[in-house]
Amino acid sequence: MKLKRLMLALYHPGNFYLIHLDNGAPQIEHQEISRFVSSNPVFSEVGNVWVVNKGNLVTYRGPTMLATTLHAMSMLLRTAKWDWFINLSASDYPLVTQDDLIHAFSDLPRDLNFIQHSSRLGWKMNKRGKPIIIDPGLYSVNKSEIWWVIKQRSLPTAFKLYTGSAWTVLSRSFAEHCIVGWDNLPRTLLLYYTNFVSSPEGYFQTVICNSEEYKNTTVNHDLHYITWDNPPKQHPRSLGLRDYRKLVLSNRPFARKFNKNDAVLNKIDRELLKRGSRQFAYGGWCSNGKDIQDKCLELQSEKYGVLRPGVGSRRLKILLKKLISAQNFNKHQCK
């Protein structure tokens, strides 16, 4: 199960993890991931990994995908103190250890939002901006595809549409703005995007860029390495060993998408994450200073904040420095 491997590669006791499985997934998968979390002694002792008890029915390209993300935000805002909300799928994988990621992000202003965006809709104007769709997942217990309304709508004039990547790193402040903020814009746009194709690729972009308070906090990047076929297909190209060098040189902390147990994942584990099979990635919380402990069973809470960043942190800092530099930061915000 790809999700198990991803969790071990991503885990750090200083983070919080919320796992959501589609309500339409086989019951055996729900049971398997629940057992995986409950039976792991580290997860149990630290208590920072949770599974959504009643998963949402998620329709591909429908607003139920967005609703699930907002649901996760709401749960985590009520449950824990954190700085950034990062959404990932089971087809994602880290290219740096969590020590690297935490160390690189520790120097950043906490209000930054990494969200790739553009107001240049291009083909999306007619394919997504004007069509009206209905997501059966909003009202039916049976999973099915979105269906299209014959009549189309005009582009909005009350706000400006933006589009971009569904993969974001959002600040706690902006998450609160979307969930419990006094401004009605996030709720208005949620109603609008209920009938929008692939709403996760536009909702947060449109909310943040139409907000005077948050539009200047955007970093126009999704921090993912993703490649597409030429011409692009519906889904990105699956990454393999031939992509490894470009993955590393990209300096990005995440990549997608990967096939289950692809050989490149073994290489990433071995060379970038320093983790063995069924082990956690290397980190100060789980090491004796040199070697990672077999199962990190001898937990010491005072070591949770001990970081042992490596070359991955230096690579990521190069990217972050470039993105927030004076010549790039404001230049690419909400254009």
Protein backbone atom coordinates (compact mmCIF):
# COMPACT_ATOMS: atom_id res chain seq x y z
CA MET A 1 0.00 0.00 0.00
CA LYS A 2 1.58 3.25 -1.20
CA LEU A 3 0.16 5.23 1.69
CA LYS A 4 2.08 3.20 4.28
CA ARG A 5 5.39 3.82 2.56
CA LEU A 6 4.60 7.51 2.19
CA MET A 7 3.76 7.87 5.88
CA LEU A 8 7.04 6.30 7.00
CA ALA A 9 8.96 8.56 4.61
CA LEU A 10 7.13 11.68 5.82
CA TYR A 11 6.89 11.06 9.53
CA HIS A 12 8.26 13.37 12.21
CA PRO A 13 6.94 13.68 15.80
CA GLY A 14 6.81 17.47 15.48
CA ASN A 15 4.28 17.34 12.65
CA PHE A 16 0.62 16.33 12.58
CA TYR A 17 -0.84 13.92 10.04
CA LEU A 18 -4.44 13.39 9.01
CA ILE A 19 -5.12 10.50 6.63
CA HIS A 20 -8.26 10.43 4.52
CA LEU A 21 -9.40 7.43 2.50
CA ASP A 22 -12.22 7.85 0.00
CA ASN A 23 -15.47 6.46 1.34
CA GLY A 24 -15.67 4.48 -1.89
CA ALA A 25 -12.41 2.63 -1.19
CA PRO A 26 -12.76 -1.07 -0.30
CA GLN A 27 -13.45 -1.71 3.37
CA ILE A 28 -10.32 -3.84 3.59
CA GLU A 29 -8.20 -0.78 2.73
CA HIS A 30 -9.84 1.25 5.49
CA GLN A 31 -9.17 -1.56 7.96
CA GLU A 32 -5.59 -1.96 6.76
CA ILE A 33 -4.65 1.69 7.19
CA SER A 34 -6.38 1.84 10.59
CA ARG A 35 -4.37 -1.18 11.76
CA PHE A 36 -1.19 0.33 10.34
CA VAL A 37 -1.63 3.51 12.39
CA SER A 38 -2.90 1.90 15.60
CA SER A 39 -0.26 -0.86 15.63
CA ASN A 40 2.75 1.42 15.07
CA PRO A 41 4.31 2.02 18.52
CA VAL A 42 5.75 5.40 17.54
CA PHE A 43 2.46 6.71 16.17
CA SER A 44 0.70 5.48 19.30
CA GLU A 45 3.16 7.02 21.75
CA VAL A 46 3.46 10.42 20.05
CA GLY A 47 -0.23 10.56 19.09
CA ASN A 48 0.11 12.80 16.05
CA VAL A 49 -1.27 10.54 13.31
CA TRP A 50 -5.02 10.35 12.81
CA VAL A 51 -7.34 8.68 10.31
CA VAL A 52 -10.62 10.31 9.30
CA ASN A 53 -13.14 7.93 10.82
CA LYS A 54 -15.86 8.48 8.24
CA GLY A 55 -14.30 9.22 4.88
CA ASN A 56 -15.98 11.45 2.33
CA LEU A 57 -17.22 10.21 -1.01
CA VAL A 58 -14.82 11.90 -3.44
CA THR A 59 -15.56 12.38 -7.13
CA TYR A 60 -12.64 12.92 -9.49
CA ARG A 61 -12.66 16.52 -10.80
CA GLY A 62 -15.65 17.31 -8.57
CA PRO A 63 -16.01 19.77 -5.66
CA THR A 64 -16.07 16.87 -3.19
CA MET A 65 -12.27 16.83 -3.61
CA LEU A 66 -12.16 20.43 -2.40
CA ALA A 67 -14.67 19.75 0.38
CA THR A 68 -12.43 16.97 1.68
CA THR A 69 -9.44 19.32 1.84
CA LEU A 70 -11.47 21.94 3.71
CA HIS A 71 -12.73 19.21 6.05
CA ALA A 72 -9.12 18.25 6.85
CA MET A 73 -8.19 21.89 7.44
CA SER A 74 -11.10 22.30 9.84
CA MET A 75 -10.21 19.17 11.80
CA LEU A 76 -6.56 20.11 12.13
CA LEU A 77 -7.31 23.71 13.12
CA ARG A 78 -9.37 22.39 16.02
CA THR A 79 -6.92 19.66 16.98
CA ALA A 80 -3.36 20.98 16.87
CA LYS A 81 -1.00 23.95 16.62
CA TRP A 82 0.86 24.06 13.31
CA ASP A 83 2.32 26.59 10.88
CA TRP A 84 1.57 25.19 7.41
CA PHE A 85 -1.01 22.86 5.89
CA ILE A 86 0.42 20.58 3.18
CA ASN A 87 -1.89 18.40 1.11
CA LEU A 88 -0.43 15.27 -0.50
CA SER A 89 -1.77 12.16 -2.21
CA ALA A 90 -0.56 8.58 -2.05
CA SER A 91 1.15 9.17 -5.42
CA ASP A 92 3.42 11.86 -3.94
CA TYR A 93 6.80 11.27 -2.30
CA PRO A 94 9.28 13.47 -0.41
CA LEU A 95 12.70 14.31 -1.83
CA VAL A 96 14.04 15.62 1.49
CA THR A 97 13.83 14.39 5.07
CA GLN A 98 11.44 16.11 7.47
CA ASP A 99 14.47 17.46 9.34
CA ASP A 100 15.53 19.07 6.06
CA LEU A 101 12.06 20.49 5.45
CA ILE A 102 11.52 21.81 8.98
CA HIS A 103 15.01 23.34 9.08
CA ALA A 104 14.57 25.07 5.72
CA PHE A 105 11.12 26.42 6.64
CA SER A 106 12.14 27.55 10.12
CA ASP A 107 13.59 30.82 8.80
CA LEU A 108 10.54 31.73 6.70
CA PRO A 109 7.78 34.17 7.66
CA ARG A 110 4.85 32.09 8.89
CA ASP A 111 2.34 33.91 6.69
CA LEU A 112 3.75 32.72 3.35
CA ASN A 113 1.51 30.62 1.10
CA PHE A 114 3.10 28.43 -1.55
CA ILE A 115 0.43 28.30 -4.21
CA GLN A 116 1.10 28.16 -7.94
CA HIS A 117 -1.36 30.46 -9.69
CA SER A 118 -2.15 32.49 -12.79
CA SER A 119 -5.05 34.57 -14.11
CA ARG A 120 -4.18 33.54 -17.66
CA LEU A 121 -6.83 30.87 -18.02
CA GLY A 122 -6.08 29.98 -21.64
CA TRP A 123 -7.98 26.85 -22.67
CA LYS A 124 -9.40 26.59 -19.15
CA MET A 125 -11.61 29.61 -19.82
CA ASN A 126 -13.90 27.59 -22.09
CA LYS A 127 -13.24 24.13 -20.64
CA ARG A 128 -13.59 25.02 -16.95
CA GLY A 129 -14.66 28.62 -16.45
CA LYS A 130 -17.88 28.43 -18.48
CA PRO A 131 -19.13 24.81 -18.15
CA ILE A 132 -21.44 23.87 -15.28
CA ILE A 133 -21.04 20.45 -13.66
CA ILE A 134 -22.86 18.52 -10.98
CA ASP A 135 -21.01 16.26 -8.53
CA PRO A 136 -23.23 13.30 -7.50
CA GLY A 137 -20.99 12.85 -4.47
CA LEU A 138 -22.75 15.84 -2.91
CA TYR A 139 -26.09 14.06 -2.67
CA SER A 140 -25.68 10.36 -3.51
CA VAL A 141 -24.28 7.45 -1.49
CA ASN A 142 -23.17 5.81 -4.74
CA LYS A 143 -19.93 6.84 -6.42
CA SER A 144 -20.23 8.06 -10.01
CA GLU A 145 -18.68 10.55 -12.41
CA ILE A 146 -19.53 14.24 -12.59
CA TRP A 147 -22.16 15.14 -15.13
CA TRP A 148 -22.36 18.18 -17.31
CA VAL A 149 -25.18 20.72 -17.61
CA ILE A 150 -25.97 21.70 -21.21
CA LYS A 151 -26.24 25.41 -20.46
CA GLN A 152 -23.01 27.31 -19.79
CA ARG A 153 -22.41 30.40 -17.67
CA SER A 154 -20.50 33.61 -18.29
CA LEU A 155 -17.26 34.40 -16.52
CA PRO A 156 -17.65 36.17 -13.17
CA THR A 157 -17.37 39.94 -12.82
CA ALA A 158 -17.57 40.13 -9.01
CA PHE A 159 -14.14 38.54 -8.69
CA LYS A 160 -11.23 37.52 -10.90
CA LEU A 161 -10.63 33.85 -11.66
CA TYR A 162 -7.23 32.26 -11.04
CA THR A 163 -6.06 28.75 -11.74
CA GLY A 164 -3.06 26.65 -10.79
CA SER A 165 -1.82 23.54 -9.05
CA ALA A 166 -3.97 21.57 -6.61
CA TRP A 167 -0.86 20.95 -4.46
CA THR A 168 -0.24 23.76 -2.00
CA VAL A 169 1.50 24.71 1.24
CA LEU A 170 -0.88 27.07 3.02
CA SER A 171 -0.31 29.11 6.17
CA ARG A 172 -2.41 28.53 9.27
CA SER A 173 -3.64 32.11 9.03
CA PHE A 174 -4.95 31.61 5.49
CA ALA A 175 -6.50 28.26 6.46
CA GLU A 176 -8.37 30.04 9.27
CA HIS A 177 -9.45 32.70 6.77
CA CYS A 178 -10.98 30.00 4.55
CA ILE A 179 -12.65 28.07 7.38
CA VAL A 180 -13.67 30.56 10.08
CA GLY A 181 -12.74 33.99 8.70
CA TRP A 182 -15.07 36.98 9.01
CA ASP A 183 -14.75 37.78 5.29
CA ASN A 184 -17.52 36.09 3.30
CA LEU A 185 -15.40 35.72 0.14
CA PRO A 186 -14.22 32.14 0.88
CA ARG A 187 -17.84 31.00 1.39
CA THR A 188 -19.09 32.85 -1.69
CA LEU A 189 -16.39 31.28 -3.83
CA LEU A 190 -17.05 27.83 -2.36
CA LEU A 191 -20.63 28.10 -3.62
CA TYR A 192 -19.36 29.23 -7.03
CA TYR A 193 -16.82 26.40 -7.29
CA THR A 194 -19.44 23.78 -6.40
CA ASN A 195 -20.26 23.67 -10.13
CA PHE A 196 -16.69 24.16 -11.40
CA VAL A 197 -14.61 21.43 -13.06
CA SER A 198 -11.49 20.54 -11.02
CA SER A 199 -12.23 23.11 -8.31
CA PRO A 200 -9.08 22.23 -6.26
CA GLU A 201 -7.07 23.80 -9.10
CA GLY A 202 -8.73 27.18 -8.72
CA TYR A 203 -10.52 27.71 -5.42
CA PHE A 204 -7.61 28.60 -3.14
CA GLN A 205 -5.93 30.58 -5.94
CA THR A 206 -9.06 32.67 -6.50
CA VAL A 207 -9.68 33.18 -2.78
CA ILE A 208 -6.16 34.34 -2.00
CA CYS A 209 -5.67 36.57 -5.03
CA ASN A 210 -9.00 38.34 -4.48
CA SER A 211 -8.16 39.00 -0.85
CA GLU A 212 -6.41 42.28 -0.01
CA GLU A 213 -5.15 40.75 3.23
CA TYR A 214 -3.51 37.67 1.69
CA LYS A 215 -2.67 38.34 -1.96
CA ASN A 216 0.79 39.65 -1.05
CA THR A 217 1.62 36.49 0.91
CA THR A 218 1.68 34.25 -2.16
CA VAL A 219 4.77 32.44 -3.41
CA ASN A 220 3.98 31.34 -6.96
CA HIS A 221 5.19 27.75 -6.70
CA ASP A 222 3.74 24.40 -5.60
CA LEU A 223 7.07 22.94 -4.35
CA HIS A 224 6.49 19.80 -6.43
CA TYR A 225 8.47 18.24 -9.24
CA ILE A 226 5.94 17.18 -11.88
CA THR A 227 6.47 16.36 -15.56
CA TRP A 228 3.96 16.04 -18.36
CA ASP A 229 3.89 14.26 -21.67
CA ASN A 230 4.08 16.31 -24.86
CA PRO A 231 1.33 17.05 -25.68
CA PRO A 232 0.08 16.96 -22.07
CA LYS A 233 -2.36 14.22 -21.12
CA GLN A 234 -4.98 14.25 -18.39
CA HIS A 235 -2.51 13.07 -15.75
CA PRO A 236 1.21 13.83 -15.26
CA ARG A 237 3.81 11.34 -16.39
CA SER A 238 4.86 8.68 -13.90
CA LEU A 239 8.42 9.28 -12.71
CA GLY A 240 11.15 6.66 -12.88
CA LEU A 241 14.89 6.13 -12.53
CA ARG A 242 15.60 8.20 -15.63
CA ASP A 243 14.14 11.20 -13.80
CA TYR A 244 16.24 10.85 -10.65
CA ARG A 245 18.92 13.40 -11.50
CA LYS A 246 16.33 16.02 -12.47
CA LEU A 247 14.41 15.29 -9.27
CA VAL A 248 17.47 16.09 -7.17
CA LEU A 249 18.52 19.13 -9.21
CA SER A 250 15.02 20.61 -8.98
CA ASN A 251 15.65 21.32 -5.25
CA ARG A 252 11.96 20.69 -4.61
CA PRO A 253 10.79 18.91 -1.46
CA PHE A 254 8.11 16.77 -3.14
CA ALA A 255 7.49 15.02 -6.43
CA ARG A 256 4.66 13.17 -8.11
CA LYS A 257 3.45 10.89 -9.44
CA PHE A 258 5.10 7.57 -8.69
CA ASN A 259 3.95 4.05 -9.41
CA LYS A 260 3.79 1.65 -6.49
CA ASN A 261 7.23 0.33 -5.47
CA ASP A 262 8.95 1.86 -8.49
CA ALA A 263 12.74 1.44 -8.43
CA VAL A 264 13.25 5.20 -8.21
CA LEU A 265 11.53 5.20 -4.80
CA ASN A 266 14.16 2.77 -3.51
CA LYS A 267 16.88 5.11 -4.77
CA ILE A 268 15.21 8.12 -3.12
CA ASP A 269 14.91 6.18 0.15
CA ARG A 270 18.52 5.08 0.06
CA GLU A 271 20.25 8.26 -1.12
CA LEU A 272 17.99 11.15 -0.08
CA LEU A 273 15.96 9.97 2.91
CA LYS A 274 18.49 7.52 4.38
CA ARG A 275 15.74 5.07 5.24
CA GLY A 276 15.59 1.31 4.95
CA SER A 277 12.60 -0.82 4.11
CA ARG A 278 9.73 -0.20 6.55
CA GLN A 279 11.79 2.35 8.48
CA PHE A 280 11.37 6.05 9.12
CA ALA A 281 13.47 8.58 7.24
CA TYR A 282 16.64 9.78 8.97
CA GLY A 283 16.13 12.45 11.62
CA GLY A 284 17.50 13.79 14.88
CA TRP A 285 14.50 12.49 16.82
CA CYS A 286 15.20 8.94 15.67
CA SER A 287 18.98 8.64 15.63
CA ASN A 288 21.92 8.23 17.94
CA GLY A 289 23.86 10.89 16.09
CA LYS A 290 25.03 8.73 13.23
CA ASP A 291 22.83 5.77 12.47
CA ILE A 292 19.09 5.53 12.48
CA GLN A 293 17.75 3.21 15.12
CA ASP A 294 16.06 0.06 13.86
CA LYS A 295 12.54 1.10 14.75
CA CYS A 296 12.97 4.34 16.72
CA LEU A 297 11.39 2.66 19.72
CA GLU A 298 13.48 4.41 22.37
CA LEU A 299 11.59 7.68 22.07
CA GLN A 300 12.66 10.70 24.08
CA SER A 301 10.33 13.68 23.89
CA GLU A 302 13.21 16.07 24.49
CA LYS A 303 14.69 14.92 21.16
CA TYR A 304 11.58 15.73 19.10
CA GLY A 305 12.96 19.18 18.37
CA VAL A 306 16.48 17.96 17.58
CA LEU A 307 17.13 18.42 13.86
CA ARG A 308 19.91 16.85 11.83
CA PRO A 309 19.46 18.54 8.45
CA GLY A 310 21.60 17.41 5.58
CA VAL A 311 22.22 18.28 1.96
CA GLY A 312 18.46 18.20 1.29
CA SER A 313 18.01 21.24 3.51
CA ARG A 314 20.69 23.13 1.62
CA ARG A 315 19.08 22.27 -1.71
CA LEU A 316 15.65 23.37 -0.51
CA LYS A 317 17.02 26.61 0.94
CA ILE A 318 18.47 27.46 -2.48
CA LEU A 319 15.01 27.12 -4.02
CA LEU A 320 13.26 29.05 -1.24
CA LYS A 321 15.81 31.86 -1.36
CA LYS A 322 15.23 32.21 -5.09
CA LEU A 323 11.43 32.18 -4.76
CA ILE A 324 11.26 34.86 -2.07
CA SER A 325 14.07 37.03 -3.43
CA ALA A 326 13.29 40.68 -4.11
CA GLN A 327 13.35 40.16 -7.87
CA ASN A 328 10.91 37.23 -7.82
CA PHE A 329 8.57 37.48 -4.85
CA ASN A 330 6.27 40.43 -5.68
CA LYS A 331 6.85 40.14 -9.41
CA HIS A 332 4.91 36.87 -9.67
CA GLN A 333 2.11 37.52 -7.18
CA CYS A 334 -1.48 37.28 -8.44
CA LYS A 335 -0.75 38.40 -12.00
